[in-house]
């Protein structure tokens, strides 16, 4: 029993060390070490990006071959960028897209407002109304997209606004927002399916989805 416990603790320690190295280096040569360790521990962690924006090229590739996509975002600007454009075509390969965004019309002291206050501490240009306005703009964009293709469903939530999840049937990209940085400057984890991190990402999305408010009607192919 002691040998088993020692082995488990040793593998977890090795995972932690490799993750830290990956975050510090942020270089592709480190990824194979992280992937080997994750297979041993069954976490499914494949890569660590120093910044969320560094993952967009790989994310675009995964989105192009996805059968379904789930997005939980704190603002949703990525949905309007080129990385997501293949999903909004009239004849996409992806069958369904489920999107969760913060409720821009939530009451005072909402989780969206709390995130606004965090951002304002290091970015003085951010205000409560600015973040709400950005979310509304992205919702309007998705509403127009939904008029041109089927399979898009949007819901809004008023829950802790502290992470971004983009998941497909193959993998998940997880960003945990820090209190002193924009999401685009936060580290992003790539988790393969199946694996502990991938399952946790889907569980996080499904829990938020179940308590969210439909904003665009479901329109399945």
C-alpha atoms as a PDB file:
ATOM      1  CA  UNK A   1       0.000   0.000   0.000  1.00  0.00           C
ATOM      2  CA  UNK A   2       2.818   2.402   0.833  1.00  0.00           C
ATOM      3  CA  UNK A   3       4.497   1.628  -2.494  1.00  0.00           C
ATOM      4  CA  UNK A   4       1.233   2.312  -4.326  1.00  0.00           C
ATOM      5  CA  UNK A   5       0.731   5.615  -2.508  1.00  0.00           C
ATOM      6  CA  UNK A   6       4.322   6.607  -3.195  1.00  0.00           C
ATOM      7  CA  UNK A   7       3.863   5.852  -6.880  1.00  0.00           C
ATOM      8  CA  UNK A   8       0.680   7.904  -7.108  1.00  0.00           C
ATOM      9  CA  UNK A   9       2.230  10.866  -5.314  1.00  0.00           C
ATOM     10  CA  UNK A  10       5.316  10.600  -7.478  1.00  0.00           C
ATOM     11  CA  UNK A  11       3.286  10.688 -10.696  1.00  0.00           C
ATOM     12  CA  UNK A  12       1.289  13.690  -9.504  1.00  0.00           C
ATOM     13  CA  UNK A  13       4.475  15.494  -8.536  1.00  0.00           C
ATOM     14  CA  UNK A  14       5.969  14.771 -11.938  1.00  0.00           C
ATOM     15  CA  UNK A  15       2.829  16.139 -13.622  1.00  0.00           C
ATOM     16  CA  UNK A  16       3.016  19.314 -11.562  1.00  0.00           C
ATOM     17  CA  UNK A  17       6.665  19.844 -12.429  1.00  0.00           C
ATOM     18  CA  UNK A  18       6.080  19.372 -16.144  1.00  0.00           C
ATOM     19  CA  UNK A  19       3.071  21.685 -16.142  1.00  0.00           C
ATOM     20  CA  UNK A  20       5.110  24.402 -14.424  1.00  0.00           C
ATOM     21  CA  UNK A  21       7.916  23.930 -16.927  1.00  0.00           C
ATOM     22  CA  UNK A  22       5.436  24.164 -19.760  1.00  0.00           C
ATOM     23  CA  UNK A  23       4.005  27.379 -18.371  1.00  0.00           C
ATOM     24  CA  UNK A  24       7.429  28.889 -17.859  1.00  0.00           C
ATOM     25  CA  UNK A  25       8.761  27.911 -21.240  1.00  0.00           C
ATOM     26  CA  UNK A  26       5.557  27.986 -23.291  1.00  0.00           C
ATOM     27  CA  UNK A  27       7.435  26.199 -26.075  1.00  0.00           C
ATOM     28  CA  UNK A  28       6.302  23.340 -28.298  1.00  0.00           C
ATOM     29  CA  UNK A  29       9.333  21.101 -27.467  1.00  0.00           C
ATOM     30  CA  UNK A  30       7.992  20.856 -23.917  1.00  0.00           C
ATOM     31  CA  UNK A  31       4.584  19.583 -25.028  1.00  0.00           C
ATOM     32  CA  UNK A  32       5.653  16.015 -25.656  1.00  0.00           C
ATOM     33  CA  UNK A  33       6.888  15.764 -22.049  1.00  0.00           C
ATOM     34  CA  UNK A  34       3.577  17.074 -20.747  1.00  0.00           C
ATOM     35  CA  UNK A  35       1.673  14.653 -23.000  1.00  0.00           C
ATOM     36  CA  UNK A  36       3.713  11.625 -21.897  1.00  0.00           C
ATOM     37  CA  UNK A  37       3.162  12.468 -18.248  1.00  0.00           C
ATOM     38  CA  UNK A  38      -0.555  13.073 -18.773  1.00  0.00           C
ATOM     39  CA  UNK A  39      -0.998   9.650 -20.340  1.00  0.00           C
ATOM     40  CA  UNK A  40       0.622   8.129 -17.267  1.00  0.00           C
ATOM     41  CA  UNK A  41      -1.657  10.038 -14.886  1.00  0.00           C
ATOM     42  CA  UNK A  42      -4.734   9.882 -17.202  1.00  0.00           C
ATOM     43  CA  UNK A  43      -5.298  13.625 -16.959  1.00  0.00           C
ATOM     44  CA  UNK A  44      -5.436  14.007 -20.737  1.00  0.00           C
ATOM     45  CA  UNK A  45      -3.357  17.198 -20.630  1.00  0.00           C
ATOM     46  CA  UNK A  46      -1.699  17.516 -24.029  1.00  0.00           C
ATOM     47  CA  UNK A  47      -0.362  21.059 -24.212  1.00  0.00           C
ATOM     48  CA  UNK A  48       0.008  24.214 -22.147  1.00  0.00           C
ATOM     49  CA  UNK A  49      -0.116  27.597 -23.871  1.00  0.00           C
ATOM     50  CA  UNK A  50       1.446  30.515 -22.037  1.00  0.00           C
ATOM     51  CA  UNK A  51      -1.290  32.794 -23.385  1.00  0.00           C
ATOM     52  CA  UNK A  52      -4.787  31.938 -24.531  1.00  0.00           C
ATOM     53  CA  UNK A  53      -4.238  33.695 -27.857  1.00  0.00           C
ATOM     54  CA  UNK A  54      -1.324  31.338 -28.625  1.00  0.00           C
ATOM     55  CA  UNK A  55      -3.805  28.453 -28.883  1.00  0.00           C
ATOM     56  CA  UNK A  56      -5.952  29.949 -31.660  1.00  0.00           C
ATOM     57  CA  UNK A  57      -4.189  28.284 -34.598  1.00  0.00           C
ATOM     58  CA  UNK A  58      -4.590  24.830 -33.045  1.00  0.00           C
ATOM     59  CA  UNK A  59      -8.116  25.677 -31.914  1.00  0.00           C
ATOM     60  CA  UNK A  60      -9.099  26.627 -35.468  1.00  0.00           C
ATOM     61  CA  UNK A  61      -7.870  23.259 -36.732  1.00  0.00           C
ATOM     62  CA  UNK A  62      -9.866  21.362 -34.108  1.00  0.00           C
ATOM     63  CA  UNK A  63     -13.005  23.392 -34.813  1.00  0.00           C
ATOM     64  CA  UNK A  64     -12.856  22.602 -38.521  1.00  0.00           C
ATOM     65  CA  UNK A  65     -13.066  18.851 -37.854  1.00  0.00           C
ATOM     66  CA  UNK A  66     -15.488  18.919 -34.918  1.00  0.00           C
ATOM     67  CA  UNK A  67     -18.910  17.282 -35.058  1.00  0.00           C
ATOM     68  CA  UNK A  68     -20.124  19.438 -32.171  1.00  0.00           C
ATOM     69  CA  UNK A  69     -18.782  22.413 -30.217  1.00  0.00           C
ATOM     70  CA  UNK A  70     -19.538  23.735 -26.739  1.00  0.00           C
ATOM     71  CA  UNK A  71     -18.396  27.223 -25.701  1.00  0.00           C
ATOM     72  CA  UNK A  72     -18.523  28.800 -22.248  1.00  0.00           C
ATOM     73  CA  UNK A  73     -16.971  32.269 -22.409  1.00  0.00           C
ATOM     74  CA  UNK A  74     -16.688  35.317 -20.213  1.00  0.00           C
ATOM     75  CA  UNK A  75     -17.290  37.768 -23.052  1.00  0.00           C
ATOM     76  CA  UNK A  76     -17.331  35.892 -26.356  1.00  0.00           C
ATOM     77  CA  UNK A  77     -15.078  38.040 -28.552  1.00  0.00           C
ATOM     78  CA  UNK A  78     -13.395  34.913 -29.934  1.00  0.00           C
ATOM     79  CA  UNK A  79     -16.718  33.949 -31.522  1.00  0.00           C
ATOM     80  CA  UNK A  80     -16.482  36.907 -33.898  1.00  0.00           C
ATOM     81  CA  UNK A  81     -12.887  36.262 -34.978  1.00  0.00           C
ATOM     82  CA  UNK A  82     -11.548  34.263 -37.895  1.00  0.00           C
ATOM     83  CA  UNK A  83     -10.860  31.211 -35.739  1.00  0.00           C
ATOM     84  CA  UNK A  84     -14.627  30.561 -35.535  1.00  0.00           C
ATOM     85  CA  UNK A  85     -15.570  31.627 -39.057  1.00  0.00           C
ATOM     86  CA  UNK A  86     -15.719  28.044 -40.479  1.00  0.00           C
ATOM     87  CA  UNK A  87     -18.530  27.270 -38.016  1.00  0.00           C
ATOM     88  CA  UNK A  88     -20.681  30.125 -39.278  1.00  0.00           C
ATOM     89  CA  UNK A  89     -20.646  29.138 -42.959  1.00  0.00           C
ATOM     90  CA  UNK A  90     -23.869  28.153 -44.668  1.00  0.00           C
ATOM     91  CA  UNK A  91     -22.751  24.527 -44.962  1.00  0.00           C
ATOM     92  CA  UNK A  92     -20.518  23.807 -41.945  1.00  0.00           C
ATOM     93  CA  UNK A  93     -19.065  20.435 -41.061  1.00  0.00           C
ATOM     94  CA  UNK A  94     -19.989  21.006 -37.407  1.00  0.00           C
ATOM     95  CA  UNK A  95     -23.551  19.894 -36.705  1.00  0.00           C
ATOM     96  CA  UNK A  96     -24.330  21.707 -33.445  1.00  0.00           C
ATOM     97  CA  UNK A  97     -22.852  24.643 -31.524  1.00  0.00           C
ATOM     98  CA  UNK A  98     -23.924  25.363 -27.942  1.00  0.00           C
ATOM     99  CA  UNK A  99     -22.799  28.707 -26.538  1.00  0.00           C
ATOM    100  CA  UNK A 100     -22.918  30.111 -23.018  1.00  0.00           C
ATOM    101  CA  UNK A 101     -22.297  33.820 -22.387  1.00  0.00           C
ATOM    102  CA  UNK A 102     -22.829  35.976 -19.286  1.00  0.00           C
ATOM    103  CA  UNK A 103     -26.239  37.621 -19.021  1.00  0.00           C
ATOM    104  CA  UNK A 104     -25.681  41.296 -19.973  1.00  0.00           C
ATOM    105  CA  UNK A 105     -29.063  42.225 -18.504  1.00  0.00           C
ATOM    106  CA  UNK A 106     -28.492  40.689 -15.085  1.00  0.00           C
ATOM    107  CA  UNK A 107     -29.152  42.840 -12.034  1.00  0.00           C
ATOM    108  CA  UNK A 108     -26.808  44.793  -9.829  1.00  0.00           C
ATOM    109  CA  UNK A 109     -23.782  42.997  -8.364  1.00  0.00           C
ATOM    110  CA  UNK A 110     -23.938  40.228 -10.944  1.00  0.00           C
ATOM    111  CA  UNK A 111     -20.972  37.973 -11.664  1.00  0.00           C
ATOM    112  CA  UNK A 112     -20.403  39.954 -14.861  1.00  0.00           C
ATOM    113  CA  UNK A 113     -20.114  43.132 -12.798  1.00  0.00           C
ATOM    114  CA  UNK A 114     -17.682  41.443 -10.420  1.00  0.00           C
ATOM    115  CA  UNK A 115     -15.472  40.500 -13.367  1.00  0.00           C
ATOM    116  CA  UNK A 116     -15.703  44.089 -14.628  1.00  0.00           C
ATOM    117  CA  UNK A 117     -14.442  45.305 -11.271  1.00  0.00           C
ATOM    118  CA  UNK A 118     -11.513  42.870 -11.418  1.00  0.00           C
ATOM    119  CA  UNK A 119     -10.503  44.010 -14.903  1.00  0.00           C
ATOM    120  CA  UNK A 120     -10.837  47.688 -13.972  1.00  0.00           C
ATOM    121  CA  UNK A 121      -8.114  47.265 -11.347  1.00  0.00           C
ATOM    122  CA  UNK A 122      -5.470  46.655 -14.033  1.00  0.00           C
ATOM    123  CA  UNK A 123      -7.231  48.140 -17.086  1.00  0.00           C
ATOM    124  CA  UNK A 124      -8.768  51.530 -16.186  1.00  0.00           C
ATOM    125  CA  UNK A 125     -10.628  51.697 -19.495  1.00  0.00           C
ATOM    126  CA  UNK A 126     -12.979  48.952 -18.387  1.00  0.00           C
ATOM    127  CA  UNK A 127     -16.308  49.807 -16.792  1.00  0.00           C
ATOM    128  CA  UNK A 128     -19.390  47.850 -15.845  1.00  0.00           C
ATOM    129  CA  UNK A 129     -21.269  49.166 -18.877  1.00  0.00           C
ATOM    130  CA  UNK A 130     -18.400  48.461 -21.288  1.00  0.00           C
ATOM    131  CA  UNK A 131     -18.221  44.738 -20.542  1.00  0.00           C
ATOM    132  CA  UNK A 132     -22.017  44.417 -20.680  1.00  0.00           C
ATOM    133  CA  UNK A 133     -22.028  46.235 -24.011  1.00  0.00           C
ATOM    134  CA  UNK A 134     -19.372  43.919 -25.445  1.00  0.00           C
ATOM    135  CA  UNK A 135     -21.367  40.846 -24.461  1.00  0.00           C
ATOM    136  CA  UNK A 136     -24.537  42.323 -26.014  1.00  0.00           C
ATOM    137  CA  UNK A 137     -22.646  43.008 -29.246  1.00  0.00           C
ATOM    138  CA  UNK A 138     -21.485  39.401 -29.410  1.00  0.00           C
ATOM    139  CA  UNK A 139     -25.006  38.134 -28.735  1.00  0.00           C
ATOM    140  CA  UNK A 140     -26.307  40.319 -31.582  1.00  0.00           C
ATOM    141  CA  UNK A 141     -23.605  38.884 -33.848  1.00  0.00           C
ATOM    142  CA  UNK A 142     -24.632  35.318 -33.001  1.00  0.00           C
ATOM    143  CA  UNK A 143     -28.287  36.158 -33.565  1.00  0.00           C
ATOM    144  CA  UNK A 144     -27.473  37.210 -37.120  1.00  0.00           C
ATOM    145  CA  UNK A 145     -25.331  34.118 -37.678  1.00  0.00           C
ATOM    146  CA  UNK A 146     -28.178  31.895 -36.448  1.00  0.00           C
ATOM    147  CA  UNK A 147     -30.368  33.282 -39.241  1.00  0.00           C
ATOM    148  CA  UNK A 148     -28.027  31.837 -41.874  1.00  0.00           C
ATOM    149  CA  UNK A 149     -27.421  28.314 -40.549  1.00  0.00           C
ATOM    150  CA  UNK A 150     -29.034  25.707 -38.301  1.00  0.00           C
ATOM    151  CA  UNK A 151     -27.650  24.066 -35.207  1.00  0.00           C
ATOM    152  CA  UNK A 152     -26.758  27.110 -33.075  1.00  0.00           C
ATOM    153  CA  UNK A 153     -28.130  27.514 -29.567  1.00  0.00           C
ATOM    154  CA  UNK A 154     -27.224  30.323 -27.176  1.00  0.00           C
ATOM    155  CA  UNK A 155     -27.944  30.628 -23.471  1.00  0.00           C
ATOM    156  CA  UNK A 156     -26.931  33.267 -20.922  1.00  0.00           C
ATOM    157  CA  UNK A 157     -25.866  32.705 -17.331  1.00  0.00           C
ATOM    158  CA  UNK A 158     -25.258  34.591 -14.098  1.00  0.00           C
ATOM    159  CA  UNK A 159     -22.618  32.362 -12.533  1.00  0.00           C
ATOM    160  CA  UNK A 160     -18.967  32.797 -11.489  1.00  0.00           C
ATOM    161  CA  UNK A 161     -17.324  34.319 -14.551  1.00  0.00           C
ATOM    162  CA  UNK A 162     -13.845  32.885 -14.039  1.00  0.00           C
ATOM    163  CA  UNK A 163     -13.064  30.511 -16.905  1.00  0.00           C
ATOM    164  CA  UNK A 164     -13.439  29.805 -20.604  1.00  0.00           C
ATOM    165  CA  UNK A 165     -14.211  26.360 -22.004  1.00  0.00           C
ATOM    166  CA  UNK A 166     -14.180  25.492 -25.701  1.00  0.00           C
ATOM    167  CA  UNK A 167     -14.856  21.784 -26.158  1.00  0.00           C
ATOM    168  CA  UNK A 168     -15.338  19.515 -29.157  1.00  0.00           C
ATOM    169  CA  UNK A 169     -15.827  15.781 -29.504  1.00  0.00           C
ATOM    170  CA  UNK A 170     -12.015  15.482 -29.677  1.00  0.00           C
ATOM    171  CA  UNK A 171     -10.585  17.906 -27.111  1.00  0.00           C
ATOM    172  CA  UNK A 172     -11.153  20.883 -24.813  1.00  0.00           C
ATOM    173  CA  UNK A 173      -9.346  24.193 -24.357  1.00  0.00           C
ATOM    174  CA  UNK A 174      -9.542  25.545 -20.807  1.00  0.00           C
ATOM    175  CA  UNK A 175      -8.571  29.034 -19.677  1.00  0.00           C
ATOM    176  CA  UNK A 176      -8.852  30.040 -16.032  1.00  0.00           C
ATOM    177  CA  UNK A 177      -9.146  33.810 -15.764  1.00  0.00           C
ATOM    178  CA  UNK A 178      -6.805  35.467 -13.312  1.00  0.00           C
ATOM    179  CA  UNK A 179      -7.799  38.428 -11.164  1.00  0.00           C
ATOM    180  CA  UNK A 180      -4.984  40.537 -12.617  1.00  0.00           C
ATOM    181  CA  UNK A 181      -5.019  39.717 -16.344  1.00  0.00           C
ATOM    182  CA  UNK A 182      -7.320  39.609 -19.342  1.00  0.00           C
ATOM    183  CA  UNK A 183      -8.370  36.151 -20.456  1.00  0.00           C
ATOM    184  CA  UNK A 184      -6.310  36.484 -23.634  1.00  0.00           C
ATOM    185  CA  UNK A 185      -3.172  36.813 -21.484  1.00  0.00           C
ATOM    186  CA  UNK A 186      -3.995  33.858 -19.224  1.00  0.00           C
ATOM    187  CA  UNK A 187      -2.546  30.330 -19.660  1.00  0.00           C
ATOM    188  CA  UNK A 188      -4.641  27.880 -21.672  1.00  0.00           C
ATOM    189  CA  UNK A 189      -4.709  24.100 -21.170  1.00  0.00           C
ATOM    190  CA  UNK A 190      -5.365  21.647 -23.992  1.00  0.00           C
ATOM    191  CA  UNK A 191      -7.062  18.443 -22.813  1.00  0.00           C
ATOM    192  CA  UNK A 192      -7.575  15.436 -25.044  1.00  0.00           C
ATOM    193  CA  UNK A 193     -10.598  13.149 -24.927  1.00  0.00           C
ATOM    194  CA  UNK A 194     -10.885  10.974 -22.977  1.00  0.00           C
ATOM    195  CA  UNK A 195      -9.250  12.214 -19.802  1.00  0.00           C
ATOM    196  CA  UNK A 196      -9.871  13.729 -16.393  1.00  0.00           C
ATOM    197  CA  UNK A 197      -9.501  17.338 -17.565  1.00  0.00           C
ATOM    198  CA  UNK A 198     -11.685  16.806 -20.613  1.00  0.00           C
ATOM    199  CA  UNK A 199     -14.440  15.264 -18.491  1.00  0.00           C
ATOM    200  CA  UNK A 200     -14.162  18.129 -16.005  1.00  0.00           C
ATOM    201  CA  UNK A 201     -14.518  20.676 -18.815  1.00  0.00           C
ATOM    202  CA  UNK A 202     -17.697  19.033 -20.119  1.00  0.00           C
ATOM    203  CA  UNK A 203     -19.061  18.738 -16.598  1.00  0.00           C
ATOM    204  CA  UNK A 204     -18.442  22.452 -16.021  1.00  0.00           C
ATOM    205  CA  UNK A 205     -20.220  23.346 -19.259  1.00  0.00           C
ATOM    206  CA  UNK A 206     -23.179  21.019 -18.702  1.00  0.00           C
ATOM    207  CA  UNK A 207     -23.731  22.330 -15.158  1.00  0.00           C
ATOM    208  CA  UNK A 208     -23.804  25.930 -16.379  1.00  0.00           C
ATOM    209  CA  UNK A 209     -25.988  25.018 -19.371  1.00  0.00           C
ATOM    210  CA  UNK A 210     -28.607  23.401 -17.158  1.00  0.00           C
ATOM    211  CA  UNK A 211     -29.044  26.633 -15.160  1.00  0.00           C
ATOM    212  CA  UNK A 212     -28.758  29.094 -18.051  1.00  0.00           C
ATOM    213  CA  UNK A 213     -31.493  31.059 -19.843  1.00  0.00           C
ATOM    214  CA  UNK A 214     -32.241  30.335 -23.523  1.00  0.00           C
ATOM    215  CA  UNK A 215     -31.522  33.407 -25.635  1.00  0.00           C
ATOM    216  CA  UNK A 216     -31.632  32.030 -29.156  1.00  0.00           C
ATOM    217  CA  UNK A 217     -34.052  29.182 -29.931  1.00  0.00           C
ATOM    218  CA  UNK A 218     -32.578  25.759 -30.563  1.00  0.00           C
ATOM    219  CA  UNK A 219     -32.411  25.099 -34.277  1.00  0.00           C
ATOM    220  CA  UNK A 220     -31.092  21.622 -34.891  1.00  0.00           C
ATOM    221  CA  UNK A 221     -30.220  20.234 -38.319  1.00  0.00           C
END
